[in-house]
């Protein structure tokens, strides 16, 4: 005879099923995180040096020039050279060699403490000065981790241009000499009073996919999505002379190309640095940053560049302001 009812489990069967599914999902998530997390800077534990190198090379597979036999050979050489690396730093020579193939001359590997913003030093602000009816705006490089610094840069530039409109009877000089790049968005937003609204450039990857770069009422649009903007923009008229030199590079060259689609504009100075391409910043374990070229710049008409941008009027960079003012004076005399 039974001495009591059979003791049942603490949890009903449906609960156990749900719990099992949750555990399976968690394990699957951890497996995916283990495999793909390093590509996005997420690690479950510090990677071994060889695995660290493998992650870097996987990211390089997205480089603009990471195609064909040359890249496959460079990749294989980097793999072989890093299998027995004792630490991360020991992988850097092989990774830099591979990166030069995958991303070209614009790509860089910046070790911890050498981030782009740190290398560029304290941010500089744009200046706007008017003399004899000509307004000159200096557009320096800008790269900062502080969003407010970028916003202040764009607002100062746009507001300075708008405030100078009444005193500017004979045109504008946009000085991009020495602008080594950084973040293109505050530059373009700040220059939007002169560039107006519409497409100003773009980027094309190695598969021919194009991402359009446009402005609309002071806002920067990348691929149709607003990414940055200033509230201090309004359209300005008049001829524009753009100054460039051998240190006008990267985002500085994007700003230069933006004026290619503007009428009544002329460029002066020396050939640019030849880095008219787009980089993505990828962070590796430990703080190292990889700047990887993934696309080439285009102008508003869709013409692809990627190298040196030649001035329309070659001039010694030091004499470029005088040549620009002479051209603006000529345009001023011709205007009704």
C-alpha atoms as a PDB file:
ATOM      1  CA  UNK A   1       0.000   0.000   0.000  1.00  0.00           C
ATOM      2  CA  UNK A   2       1.322   3.429  -0.937  1.00  0.00           C
ATOM      3  CA  UNK A   3       2.385   5.527   2.054  1.00  0.00           C
ATOM      4  CA  UNK A   4       1.734   8.805   0.202  1.00  0.00           C
ATOM      5  CA  UNK A   5       1.538  10.502  -3.105  1.00  0.00           C
ATOM      6  CA  UNK A   6       4.524  10.304  -5.402  1.00  0.00           C
ATOM      7  CA  UNK A   7       6.688  13.397  -4.976  1.00  0.00           C
ATOM      8  CA  UNK A   8       6.689  15.634  -8.002  1.00  0.00           C
ATOM      9  CA  UNK A   9       9.551  17.784  -9.375  1.00  0.00           C
ATOM     10  CA  UNK A  10       9.873  21.347  -8.217  1.00  0.00           C
ATOM     11  CA  UNK A  11       9.378  22.863 -11.691  1.00  0.00           C
ATOM     12  CA  UNK A  12       6.726  21.986 -14.283  1.00  0.00           C
ATOM     13  CA  UNK A  13       7.897  20.512 -17.586  1.00  0.00           C
ATOM     14  CA  UNK A  14       7.120  23.648 -19.697  1.00  0.00           C
ATOM     15  CA  UNK A  15       9.337  25.727 -17.436  1.00  0.00           C
ATOM     16  CA  UNK A  16      12.195  23.263 -17.875  1.00  0.00           C
ATOM     17  CA  UNK A  17      11.786  23.451 -21.649  1.00  0.00           C
ATOM     18  CA  UNK A  18      11.913  27.249 -21.613  1.00  0.00           C
ATOM     19  CA  UNK A  19      14.924  27.209 -19.292  1.00  0.00           C
ATOM     20  CA  UNK A  20      16.703  24.750 -21.567  1.00  0.00           C
ATOM     21  CA  UNK A  21      16.033  26.910 -24.602  1.00  0.00           C
ATOM     22  CA  UNK A  22      17.337  29.963 -22.794  1.00  0.00           C
ATOM     23  CA  UNK A  23      20.526  28.146 -21.855  1.00  0.00           C
ATOM     24  CA  UNK A  24      20.973  26.956 -25.428  1.00  0.00           C
ATOM     25  CA  UNK A  25      20.457  30.515 -26.650  1.00  0.00           C
ATOM     26  CA  UNK A  26      22.987  31.813 -24.147  1.00  0.00           C
ATOM     27  CA  UNK A  27      25.564  29.242 -25.226  1.00  0.00           C
ATOM     28  CA  UNK A  28      24.922  30.032 -28.890  1.00  0.00           C
ATOM     29  CA  UNK A  29      25.287  33.756 -28.159  1.00  0.00           C
ATOM     30  CA  UNK A  30      28.564  33.206 -26.345  1.00  0.00           C
ATOM     31  CA  UNK A  31      29.836  31.111 -29.246  1.00  0.00           C
ATOM     32  CA  UNK A  32      28.972  33.851 -31.726  1.00  0.00           C
ATOM     33  CA  UNK A  33      30.518  36.467 -29.451  1.00  0.00           C
ATOM     34  CA  UNK A  34      33.686  34.367 -29.186  1.00  0.00           C
ATOM     35  CA  UNK A  35      33.929  34.070 -32.974  1.00  0.00           C
ATOM     36  CA  UNK A  36      32.750  37.465 -34.208  1.00  0.00           C
ATOM     37  CA  UNK A  37      33.036  39.764 -31.178  1.00  0.00           C
ATOM     38  CA  UNK A  38      36.700  40.688 -31.807  1.00  0.00           C
ATOM     39  CA  UNK A  39      35.706  42.204 -35.163  1.00  0.00           C
ATOM     40  CA  UNK A  40      33.704  44.769 -33.196  1.00  0.00           C
ATOM     41  CA  UNK A  41      36.153  45.193 -30.330  1.00  0.00           C
ATOM     42  CA  UNK A  42      34.326  42.812 -27.948  1.00  0.00           C
ATOM     43  CA  UNK A  43      36.381  40.101 -26.234  1.00  0.00           C
ATOM     44  CA  UNK A  44      35.479  37.415 -23.722  1.00  0.00           C
ATOM     45  CA  UNK A  45      39.137  37.173 -22.699  1.00  0.00           C
ATOM     46  CA  UNK A  46      42.447  38.624 -23.933  1.00  0.00           C
ATOM     47  CA  UNK A  47      43.335  37.007 -27.264  1.00  0.00           C
ATOM     48  CA  UNK A  48      46.601  35.214 -27.869  1.00  0.00           C
ATOM     49  CA  UNK A  49      49.001  37.193 -30.121  1.00  0.00           C
ATOM     50  CA  UNK A  50      48.285  34.938 -33.114  1.00  0.00           C
ATOM     51  CA  UNK A  51      44.534  35.354 -32.630  1.00  0.00           C
ATOM     52  CA  UNK A  52      45.051  39.113 -32.244  1.00  0.00           C
ATOM     53  CA  UNK A  53      46.795  39.148 -35.631  1.00  0.00           C
ATOM     54  CA  UNK A  54      44.036  37.037 -37.181  1.00  0.00           C
ATOM     55  CA  UNK A  55      41.417  39.553 -36.044  1.00  0.00           C
ATOM     56  CA  UNK A  56      43.407  42.420 -37.539  1.00  0.00           C
ATOM     57  CA  UNK A  57      43.788  40.570 -40.838  1.00  0.00           C
ATOM     58  CA  UNK A  58      40.072  39.781 -40.937  1.00  0.00           C
ATOM     59  CA  UNK A  59      39.369  43.495 -40.611  1.00  0.00           C
ATOM     60  CA  UNK A  60      41.879  44.214 -43.378  1.00  0.00           C
ATOM     61  CA  UNK A  61      39.889  41.949 -45.687  1.00  0.00           C
ATOM     62  CA  UNK A  62      37.520  44.929 -46.004  1.00  0.00           C
ATOM     63  CA  UNK A  63      40.262  47.231 -47.286  1.00  0.00           C
ATOM     64  CA  UNK A  64      39.844  48.898 -50.657  1.00  0.00           C
ATOM     65  CA  UNK A  65      42.874  47.116 -52.119  1.00  0.00           C
ATOM     66  CA  UNK A  66      42.339  43.786 -50.312  1.00  0.00           C
ATOM     67  CA  UNK A  67      41.602  41.849 -53.481  1.00  0.00           C
ATOM     68  CA  UNK A  68      43.421  39.528 -55.820  1.00  0.00           C
ATOM     69  CA  UNK A  69      46.619  37.562 -55.608  1.00  0.00           C
ATOM     70  CA  UNK A  70      48.746  40.354 -54.151  1.00  0.00           C
ATOM     71  CA  UNK A  71      46.526  40.616 -51.079  1.00  0.00           C
ATOM     72  CA  UNK A  72      46.263  36.845 -50.625  1.00  0.00           C
ATOM     73  CA  UNK A  73      50.043  36.581 -50.708  1.00  0.00           C
ATOM     74  CA  UNK A  74      50.507  39.484 -48.271  1.00  0.00           C
ATOM     75  CA  UNK A  75      47.892  38.023 -45.953  1.00  0.00           C
ATOM     76  CA  UNK A  76      49.498  34.589 -45.935  1.00  0.00           C
ATOM     77  CA  UNK A  77      52.891  36.118 -45.188  1.00  0.00           C
ATOM     78  CA  UNK A  78      51.422  38.029 -42.231  1.00  0.00           C
ATOM     79  CA  UNK A  79      49.786  34.870 -40.874  1.00  0.00           C
ATOM     80  CA  UNK A  80      53.051  32.946 -41.090  1.00  0.00           C
ATOM     81  CA  UNK A  81      55.016  35.768 -39.462  1.00  0.00           C
ATOM     82  CA  UNK A  82      52.713  36.064 -36.441  1.00  0.00           C
ATOM     83  CA  UNK A  83      52.115  32.431 -35.427  1.00  0.00           C
ATOM     84  CA  UNK A  84      54.843  32.435 -32.775  1.00  0.00           C
ATOM     85  CA  UNK A  85      54.665  36.089 -31.759  1.00  0.00           C
ATOM     86  CA  UNK A  86      55.252  36.347 -27.971  1.00  0.00           C
ATOM     87  CA  UNK A  87      53.146  39.504 -27.563  1.00  0.00           C
ATOM     88  CA  UNK A  88      50.947  41.924 -29.489  1.00  0.00           C
ATOM     89  CA  UNK A  89      53.721  44.400 -30.268  1.00  0.00           C
ATOM     90  CA  UNK A  90      55.657  41.640 -32.008  1.00  0.00           C
ATOM     91  CA  UNK A  91      52.846  41.326 -34.570  1.00  0.00           C
ATOM     92  CA  UNK A  92      52.911  44.998 -35.581  1.00  0.00           C
ATOM     93  CA  UNK A  93      55.670  44.856 -38.254  1.00  0.00           C
ATOM     94  CA  UNK A  94      53.882  42.072 -40.148  1.00  0.00           C
ATOM     95  CA  UNK A  95      50.490  43.710 -39.700  1.00  0.00           C
ATOM     96  CA  UNK A  96      51.744  47.070 -40.952  1.00  0.00           C
ATOM     97  CA  UNK A  97      53.203  45.396 -44.029  1.00  0.00           C
ATOM     98  CA  UNK A  98      49.892  43.697 -44.754  1.00  0.00           C
ATOM     99  CA  UNK A  99      47.932  46.890 -44.052  1.00  0.00           C
ATOM    100  CA  UNK A 100      49.973  48.778 -46.661  1.00  0.00           C
ATOM    101  CA  UNK A 101      48.682  46.298 -49.242  1.00  0.00           C
ATOM    102  CA  UNK A 102      45.069  46.087 -48.041  1.00  0.00           C
ATOM    103  CA  UNK A 103      44.548  49.791 -47.458  1.00  0.00           C
ATOM    104  CA  UNK A 104      47.266  51.651 -49.333  1.00  0.00           C
ATOM    105  CA  UNK A 105      49.206  54.703 -48.125  1.00  0.00           C
ATOM    106  CA  UNK A 106      46.303  56.300 -46.267  1.00  0.00           C
ATOM    107  CA  UNK A 107      45.969  53.363 -43.842  1.00  0.00           C
ATOM    108  CA  UNK A 108      47.800  53.274 -40.510  1.00  0.00           C
ATOM    109  CA  UNK A 109      48.189  51.197 -37.360  1.00  0.00           C
ATOM    110  CA  UNK A 110      48.250  53.488 -34.329  1.00  0.00           C
ATOM    111  CA  UNK A 111      49.453  51.899 -31.117  1.00  0.00           C
ATOM    112  CA  UNK A 112      47.855  52.683 -27.769  1.00  0.00           C
ATOM    113  CA  UNK A 113      48.339  56.354 -26.935  1.00  0.00           C
ATOM    114  CA  UNK A 114      48.713  57.292 -30.612  1.00  0.00           C
ATOM    115  CA  UNK A 115      45.038  57.734 -31.585  1.00  0.00           C
ATOM    116  CA  UNK A 116      44.255  60.138 -34.390  1.00  0.00           C
ATOM    117  CA  UNK A 117      42.935  62.839 -32.067  1.00  0.00           C
ATOM    118  CA  UNK A 118      45.977  62.502 -29.785  1.00  0.00           C
ATOM    119  CA  UNK A 119      48.400  62.682 -32.706  1.00  0.00           C
ATOM    120  CA  UNK A 120      46.757  65.850 -34.014  1.00  0.00           C
ATOM    121  CA  UNK A 121      47.129  67.590 -30.662  1.00  0.00           C
ATOM    122  CA  UNK A 122      44.841  70.246 -29.162  1.00  0.00           C
ATOM    123  CA  UNK A 123      42.002  71.251 -31.517  1.00  0.00           C
ATOM    124  CA  UNK A 124      42.366  74.456 -33.477  1.00  0.00           C
ATOM    125  CA  UNK A 125      39.440  76.686 -34.305  1.00  0.00           C
ATOM    126  CA  UNK A 126      38.599  78.264 -37.669  1.00  0.00           C
ATOM    127  CA  UNK A 127      39.145  81.974 -38.210  1.00  0.00           C
ATOM    128  CA  UNK A 128      37.231  84.426 -40.407  1.00  0.00           C
ATOM    129  CA  UNK A 129      38.773  87.767 -41.407  1.00  0.00           C
ATOM    130  CA  UNK A 130      37.588  90.410 -43.860  1.00  0.00           C
ATOM    131  CA  UNK A 131      39.830  92.896 -45.661  1.00  0.00           C
ATOM    132  CA  UNK A 132      39.013  95.156 -48.614  1.00  0.00           C
ATOM    133  CA  UNK A 133      35.795  93.345 -49.380  1.00  0.00           C
ATOM    134  CA  UNK A 134      37.357  89.863 -49.360  1.00  0.00           C
ATOM    135  CA  UNK A 135      36.704  87.440 -46.509  1.00  0.00           C
ATOM    136  CA  UNK A 136      39.305  84.769 -45.779  1.00  0.00           C
ATOM    137  CA  UNK A 137      38.340  81.724 -43.749  1.00  0.00           C
ATOM    138  CA  UNK A 138      41.050  79.406 -42.401  1.00  0.00           C
ATOM    139  CA  UNK A 139      39.787  75.825 -42.109  1.00  0.00           C
ATOM    140  CA  UNK A 140      42.199  73.802 -39.922  1.00  0.00           C
ATOM    141  CA  UNK A 141      42.264  70.064 -39.354  1.00  0.00           C
ATOM    142  CA  UNK A 142      39.926  68.830 -36.633  1.00  0.00           C
ATOM    143  CA  UNK A 143      39.750  65.472 -34.870  1.00  0.00           C
ATOM    144  CA  UNK A 144      38.352  65.256 -31.361  1.00  0.00           C
ATOM    145  CA  UNK A 145      36.649  62.672 -29.178  1.00  0.00           C
ATOM    146  CA  UNK A 146      34.505  65.438 -27.654  1.00  0.00           C
ATOM    147  CA  UNK A 147      31.361  66.021 -29.736  1.00  0.00           C
ATOM    148  CA  UNK A 148      31.044  69.542 -28.352  1.00  0.00           C
ATOM    149  CA  UNK A 149      34.450  70.469 -29.789  1.00  0.00           C
ATOM    150  CA  UNK A 150      33.296  69.382 -33.254  1.00  0.00           C
ATOM    151  CA  UNK A 151      30.001  71.250 -32.886  1.00  0.00           C
ATOM    152  CA  UNK A 152      31.726  74.438 -31.747  1.00  0.00           C
ATOM    153  CA  UNK A 153      34.107  74.213 -34.719  1.00  0.00           C
ATOM    154  CA  UNK A 154      31.216  73.952 -37.218  1.00  0.00           C
ATOM    155  CA  UNK A 155      29.143  76.665 -35.549  1.00  0.00           C
ATOM    156  CA  UNK A 156      32.057  79.124 -35.382  1.00  0.00           C
ATOM    157  CA  UNK A 157      32.862  78.560 -39.039  1.00  0.00           C
ATOM    158  CA  UNK A 158      29.297  78.864 -40.343  1.00  0.00           C
ATOM    159  CA  UNK A 159      28.382  81.799 -38.100  1.00  0.00           C
ATOM    160  CA  UNK A 160      31.595  83.614 -38.971  1.00  0.00           C
ATOM    161  CA  UNK A 161      30.848  83.339 -42.685  1.00  0.00           C
ATOM    162  CA  UNK A 162      27.249  84.508 -42.280  1.00  0.00           C
ATOM    163  CA  UNK A 163      28.317  87.442 -40.084  1.00  0.00           C
ATOM    164  CA  UNK A 164      30.842  88.533 -42.727  1.00  0.00           C
ATOM    165  CA  UNK A 165      28.319  88.663 -45.578  1.00  0.00           C
ATOM    166  CA  UNK A 166      27.594  92.384 -45.359  1.00  0.00           C
ATOM    167  CA  UNK A 167      31.289  93.333 -45.516  1.00  0.00           C
ATOM    168  CA  UNK A 168      32.146  90.828 -48.267  1.00  0.00           C
ATOM    169  CA  UNK A 169      31.642  92.582 -51.572  1.00  0.00           C
ATOM    170  CA  UNK A 170      34.349  90.868 -53.596  1.00  0.00           C
ATOM    171  CA  UNK A 171      34.294  87.178 -52.739  1.00  0.00           C
ATOM    172  CA  UNK A 172      35.694  84.577 -50.389  1.00  0.00           C
ATOM    173  CA  UNK A 173      38.994  82.786 -49.793  1.00  0.00           C
ATOM    174  CA  UNK A 174      38.786  79.315 -48.248  1.00  0.00           C
ATOM    175  CA  UNK A 175      42.208  78.376 -46.901  1.00  0.00           C
ATOM    176  CA  UNK A 176      42.697  74.594 -46.688  1.00  0.00           C
ATOM    177  CA  UNK A 177      46.497  74.753 -46.610  1.00  0.00           C
ATOM    178  CA  UNK A 178      47.873  72.578 -43.844  1.00  0.00           C
ATOM    179  CA  UNK A 179      44.518  70.902 -43.241  1.00  0.00           C
ATOM    180  CA  UNK A 180      45.706  67.343 -42.685  1.00  0.00           C
ATOM    181  CA  UNK A 181      42.190  65.993 -42.146  1.00  0.00           C
ATOM    182  CA  UNK A 182      40.429  64.388 -39.224  1.00  0.00           C
ATOM    183  CA  UNK A 183      36.647  64.675 -39.214  1.00  0.00           C
ATOM    184  CA  UNK A 184      35.093  65.953 -42.448  1.00  0.00           C
ATOM    185  CA  UNK A 185      31.631  66.617 -41.008  1.00  0.00           C
ATOM    186  CA  UNK A 186      32.284  69.821 -39.014  1.00  0.00           C
ATOM    187  CA  UNK A 187      34.324  71.161 -41.942  1.00  0.00           C
ATOM    188  CA  UNK A 188      31.520  70.613 -44.444  1.00  0.00           C
ATOM    189  CA  UNK A 189      28.785  71.822 -42.101  1.00  0.00           C
ATOM    190  CA  UNK A 190      30.824  74.919 -41.294  1.00  0.00           C
ATOM    191  CA  UNK A 191      31.432  75.641 -44.986  1.00  0.00           C
ATOM    192  CA  UNK A 192      27.791  74.970 -45.923  1.00  0.00           C
ATOM    193  CA  UNK A 193      26.946  78.689 -46.323  1.00  0.00           C
ATOM    194  CA  UNK A 194      29.322  78.714 -49.323  1.00  0.00           C
ATOM    195  CA  UNK A 195      28.557  75.188 -50.562  1.00  0.00           C
ATOM    196  CA  UNK A 196      24.772  75.451 -50.401  1.00  0.00           C
ATOM    197  CA  UNK A 197      22.498  72.414 -50.521  1.00  0.00           C
ATOM    198  CA  UNK A 198      22.860  69.315 -52.683  1.00  0.00           C
ATOM    199  CA  UNK A 199      25.431  66.649 -53.397  1.00  0.00           C
ATOM    200  CA  UNK A 200      29.010  67.701 -52.670  1.00  0.00           C
ATOM    201  CA  UNK A 201      30.868  64.407 -53.070  1.00  0.00           C
ATOM    202  CA  UNK A 202      30.784  60.740 -52.231  1.00  0.00           C
ATOM    203  CA  UNK A 203      32.710  57.526 -51.706  1.00  0.00           C
ATOM    204  CA  UNK A 204      32.996  54.419 -53.848  1.00  0.00           C
ATOM    205  CA  UNK A 205      34.191  51.033 -52.578  1.00  0.00           C
ATOM    206  CA  UNK A 206      36.027  48.335 -54.520  1.00  0.00           C
ATOM    207  CA  UNK A 207      32.738  46.771 -55.604  1.00  0.00           C
ATOM    208  CA  UNK A 208      31.491  49.984 -57.146  1.00  0.00           C
ATOM    209  CA  UNK A 209      29.007  50.793 -54.373  1.00  0.00           C
ATOM    210  CA  UNK A 210      28.597  54.552 -54.014  1.00  0.00           C
ATOM    211  CA  UNK A 211      27.739  56.435 -50.819  1.00  0.00           C
ATOM    212  CA  UNK A 212      26.630  59.980 -51.610  1.00  0.00           C
ATOM    213  CA  UNK A 213      27.776  62.927 -49.531  1.00  0.00           C
ATOM    214  CA  UNK A 214      25.384  65.876 -49.453  1.00  0.00           C
ATOM    215  CA  UNK A 215      24.449  69.037 -47.589  1.00  0.00           C
ATOM    216  CA  UNK A 216      20.986  70.342 -46.807  1.00  0.00           C
ATOM    217  CA  UNK A 217      20.430  73.534 -44.841  1.00  0.00           C
ATOM    218  CA  UNK A 218      23.651  73.113 -42.873  1.00  0.00           C
ATOM    219  CA  UNK A 219      23.220  69.383 -42.224  1.00  0.00           C
ATOM    220  CA  UNK A 220      25.626  66.745 -43.548  1.00  0.00           C
ATOM    221  CA  UNK A 221      24.011  63.692 -45.154  1.00  0.00           C
ATOM    222  CA  UNK A 222      25.976  60.503 -45.726  1.00  0.00           C
ATOM    223  CA  UNK A 223      24.170  57.858 -47.730  1.00  0.00           C
ATOM    224  CA  UNK A 224      20.905  59.749 -47.277  1.00  0.00           C
ATOM    225  CA  UNK A 225      21.197  59.863 -43.482  1.00  0.00           C
ATOM    226  CA  UNK A 226      21.818  63.051 -41.522  1.00  0.00           C
ATOM    227  CA  UNK A 227      25.002  62.624 -39.482  1.00  0.00           C
ATOM    228  CA  UNK A 228      25.946  66.134 -38.343  1.00  0.00           C
ATOM    229  CA  UNK A 229      24.851  69.731 -38.747  1.00  0.00           C
ATOM    230  CA  UNK A 230      24.847  73.345 -37.695  1.00  0.00           C
ATOM    231  CA  UNK A 231      21.933  75.702 -37.109  1.00  0.00           C
ATOM    232  CA  UNK A 232      23.954  78.727 -38.250  1.00  0.00           C
ATOM    233  CA  UNK A 233      23.924  78.195 -42.005  1.00  0.00           C
ATOM    234  CA  UNK A 234      22.363  80.323 -44.704  1.00  0.00           C
ATOM    235  CA  UNK A 235      23.295  80.497 -48.411  1.00  0.00           C
ATOM    236  CA  UNK A 236      25.973  82.993 -49.408  1.00  0.00           C
ATOM    237  CA  UNK A 237      26.823  84.170 -52.903  1.00  0.00           C
ATOM    238  CA  UNK A 238      30.001  85.347 -54.552  1.00  0.00           C
ATOM    239  CA  UNK A 239      33.138  83.865 -56.123  1.00  0.00           C
ATOM    240  CA  UNK A 240      35.271  81.538 -54.012  1.00  0.00           C
ATOM    241  CA  UNK A 241      39.040  80.976 -54.212  1.00  0.00           C
ATOM    242  CA  UNK A 242      40.252  77.797 -52.472  1.00  0.00           C
ATOM    243  CA  UNK A 243      43.854  77.467 -51.281  1.00  0.00           C
ATOM    244  CA  UNK A 244      45.598  74.084 -51.054  1.00  0.00           C
ATOM    245  CA  UNK A 245      49.071  72.661 -50.534  1.00  0.00           C
ATOM    246  CA  UNK A 246      50.916  69.397 -50.037  1.00  0.00           C
ATOM    247  CA  UNK A 247      49.553  69.040 -46.499  1.00  0.00           C
ATOM    248  CA  UNK A 248      45.907  69.305 -47.551  1.00  0.00           C
ATOM    249  CA  UNK A 249      44.969  65.690 -46.897  1.00  0.00           C
ATOM    250  CA  UNK A 250      42.205  63.195 -46.168  1.00  0.00           C
ATOM    251  CA  UNK A 251      39.164  65.090 -44.852  1.00  0.00           C
ATOM    252  CA  UNK A 252      40.868  68.272 -45.984  1.00  0.00           C
ATOM    253  CA  UNK A 253      40.751  66.831 -49.492  1.00  0.00           C
ATOM    254  CA  UNK A 254      37.065  65.964 -49.041  1.00  0.00           C
ATOM    255  CA  UNK A 255      36.426  69.643 -48.278  1.00  0.00           C
ATOM    256  CA  UNK A 256      38.485  70.613 -51.318  1.00  0.00           C
ATOM    257  CA  UNK A 257      36.511  68.253 -53.577  1.00  0.00           C
ATOM    258  CA  UNK A 258      33.244  69.671 -52.244  1.00  0.00           C
ATOM    259  CA  UNK A 259      34.060  72.938 -54.039  1.00  0.00           C
ATOM    260  CA  UNK A 260      34.597  71.172 -57.374  1.00  0.00           C
ATOM    261  CA  UNK A 261      30.849  71.187 -57.921  1.00  0.00           C
ATOM    262  CA  UNK A 262      30.403  74.864 -57.091  1.00  0.00           C
ATOM    263  CA  UNK A 263      30.289  77.424 -59.851  1.00  0.00           C
ATOM    264  CA  UNK A 264      32.368  80.605 -59.783  1.00  0.00           C
ATOM    265  CA  UNK A 265      35.147  78.833 -57.873  1.00  0.00           C
ATOM    266  CA  UNK A 266      38.867  78.367 -58.540  1.00  0.00           C
ATOM    267  CA  UNK A 267      41.627  76.471 -56.685  1.00  0.00           C
ATOM    268  CA  UNK A 268      45.142  77.821 -56.044  1.00  0.00           C
ATOM    269  CA  UNK A 269      48.378  76.487 -54.585  1.00  0.00           C
ATOM    270  CA  UNK A 270      50.240  73.178 -54.794  1.00  0.00           C
ATOM    271  CA  UNK A 271      49.086  69.573 -55.366  1.00  0.00           C
ATOM    272  CA  UNK A 272      47.374  68.008 -52.356  1.00  0.00           C
ATOM    273  CA  UNK A 273      48.764  65.149 -50.277  1.00  0.00           C
ATOM    274  CA  UNK A 274      47.136  62.467 -52.425  1.00  0.00           C
ATOM    275  CA  UNK A 275      45.073  60.829 -49.664  1.00  0.00           C
ATOM    276  CA  UNK A 276      41.637  61.471 -51.174  1.00  0.00           C
ATOM    277  CA  UNK A 277      40.128  58.302 -49.791  1.00  0.00           C
ATOM    278  CA  UNK A 278      37.898  57.258 -46.900  1.00  0.00           C
ATOM    279  CA  UNK A 279      39.129  55.497 -43.770  1.00  0.00           C
ATOM    280  CA  UNK A 280      37.307  53.482 -41.151  1.00  0.00           C
ATOM    281  CA  UNK A 281      38.691  53.389 -37.613  1.00  0.00           C
ATOM    282  CA  UNK A 282      38.825  49.890 -36.107  1.00  0.00           C
ATOM    283  CA  UNK A 283      39.960  49.298 -32.528  1.00  0.00           C
ATOM    284  CA  UNK A 284      41.966  46.228 -31.625  1.00  0.00           C
ATOM    285  CA  UNK A 285      42.370  44.721 -28.179  1.00  0.00           C
ATOM    286  CA  UNK A 286      44.524  46.847 -25.886  1.00  0.00           C
ATOM    287  CA  UNK A 287      43.743  50.200 -27.502  1.00  0.00           C
ATOM    288  CA  UNK A 288      45.538  49.977 -30.846  1.00  0.00           C
ATOM    289  CA  UNK A 289      43.609  51.717 -33.655  1.00  0.00           C
ATOM    290  CA  UNK A 290      43.602  50.638 -37.280  1.00  0.00           C
ATOM    291  CA  UNK A 291      42.832  53.295 -39.889  1.00  0.00           C
ATOM    292  CA  UNK A 292      41.744  51.281 -42.906  1.00  0.00           C
ATOM    293  CA  UNK A 293      40.994  52.756 -46.336  1.00  0.00           C
ATOM    294  CA  UNK A 294      37.713  51.266 -47.564  1.00  0.00           C
ATOM    295  CA  UNK A 295      36.683  53.678 -50.345  1.00  0.00           C
ATOM    296  CA  UNK A 296      37.897  56.410 -52.698  1.00  0.00           C
ATOM    297  CA  UNK A 297      36.552  59.959 -52.770  1.00  0.00           C
ATOM    298  CA  UNK A 298      34.371  61.289 -55.566  1.00  0.00           C
ATOM    299  CA  UNK A 299      33.279  64.787 -56.473  1.00  0.00           C
ATOM    300  CA  UNK A 300      29.665  65.903 -56.848  1.00  0.00           C
ATOM    301  CA  UNK A 301      29.567  64.655 -60.434  1.00  0.00           C
ATOM    302  CA  UNK A 302      30.718  61.181 -59.377  1.00  0.00           C
ATOM    303  CA  UNK A 303      34.268  61.369 -60.727  1.00  0.00           C
ATOM    304  CA  UNK A 304      36.525  59.070 -58.683  1.00  0.00           C
ATOM    305  CA  UNK A 305      39.832  60.307 -57.267  1.00  0.00           C
ATOM    306  CA  UNK A 306      41.920  58.561 -54.604  1.00  0.00           C
ATOM    307  CA  UNK A 307      45.173  60.371 -55.316  1.00  0.00           C
ATOM    308  CA  UNK A 308      46.593  63.857 -55.669  1.00  0.00           C
ATOM    309  CA  UNK A 309      44.220  66.761 -56.347  1.00  0.00           C
ATOM    310  CA  UNK A 310      45.819  69.306 -58.668  1.00  0.00           C
ATOM    311  CA  UNK A 311      45.064  73.028 -58.296  1.00  0.00           C
ATOM    312  CA  UNK A 312      43.488  74.805 -61.228  1.00  0.00           C
ATOM    313  CA  UNK A 313      46.040  77.581 -60.878  1.00  0.00           C
ATOM    314  CA  UNK A 314      49.387  76.161 -59.656  1.00  0.00           C
ATOM    315  CA  UNK A 315      51.016  78.643 -57.326  1.00  0.00           C
ATOM    316  CA  UNK A 316      53.641  78.575 -54.638  1.00  0.00           C
ATOM    317  CA  UNK A 317      51.585  77.989 -51.468  1.00  0.00           C
ATOM    318  CA  UNK A 318      53.024  81.101 -49.864  1.00  0.00           C
ATOM    319  CA  UNK A 319      51.936  83.236 -52.833  1.00  0.00           C
ATOM    320  CA  UNK A 320      48.524  81.574 -53.183  1.00  0.00           C
ATOM    321  CA  UNK A 321      46.593  84.180 -51.112  1.00  0.00           C
ATOM    322  CA  UNK A 322      47.840  87.013 -53.323  1.00  0.00           C
ATOM    323  CA  UNK A 323      46.983  85.088 -56.500  1.00  0.00           C
ATOM    324  CA  UNK A 324      43.545  84.287 -55.108  1.00  0.00           C
ATOM    325  CA  UNK A 325      42.817  87.907 -54.264  1.00  0.00           C
ATOM    326  CA  UNK A 326      43.905  88.981 -57.735  1.00  0.00           C
ATOM    327  CA  UNK A 327      41.482  86.513 -59.297  1.00  0.00           C
ATOM    328  CA  UNK A 328      38.681  87.625 -56.987  1.00  0.00           C
ATOM    329  CA  UNK A 329      39.349  91.270 -57.886  1.00  0.00           C
ATOM    330  CA  UNK A 330      39.004  90.350 -61.545  1.00  0.00           C
ATOM    331  CA  UNK A 331      35.692  88.591 -60.871  1.00  0.00           C
ATOM    332  CA  UNK A 332      34.533  91.600 -58.906  1.00  0.00           C
ATOM    333  CA  UNK A 333      35.263  93.954 -61.824  1.00  0.00           C
ATOM    334  CA  UNK A 334      33.355  91.678 -64.200  1.00  0.00           C
ATOM    335  CA  UNK A 335      30.267  91.472 -62.041  1.00  0.00           C
ATOM    336  CA  UNK A 336      27.431  93.857 -62.988  1.00  0.00           C
END
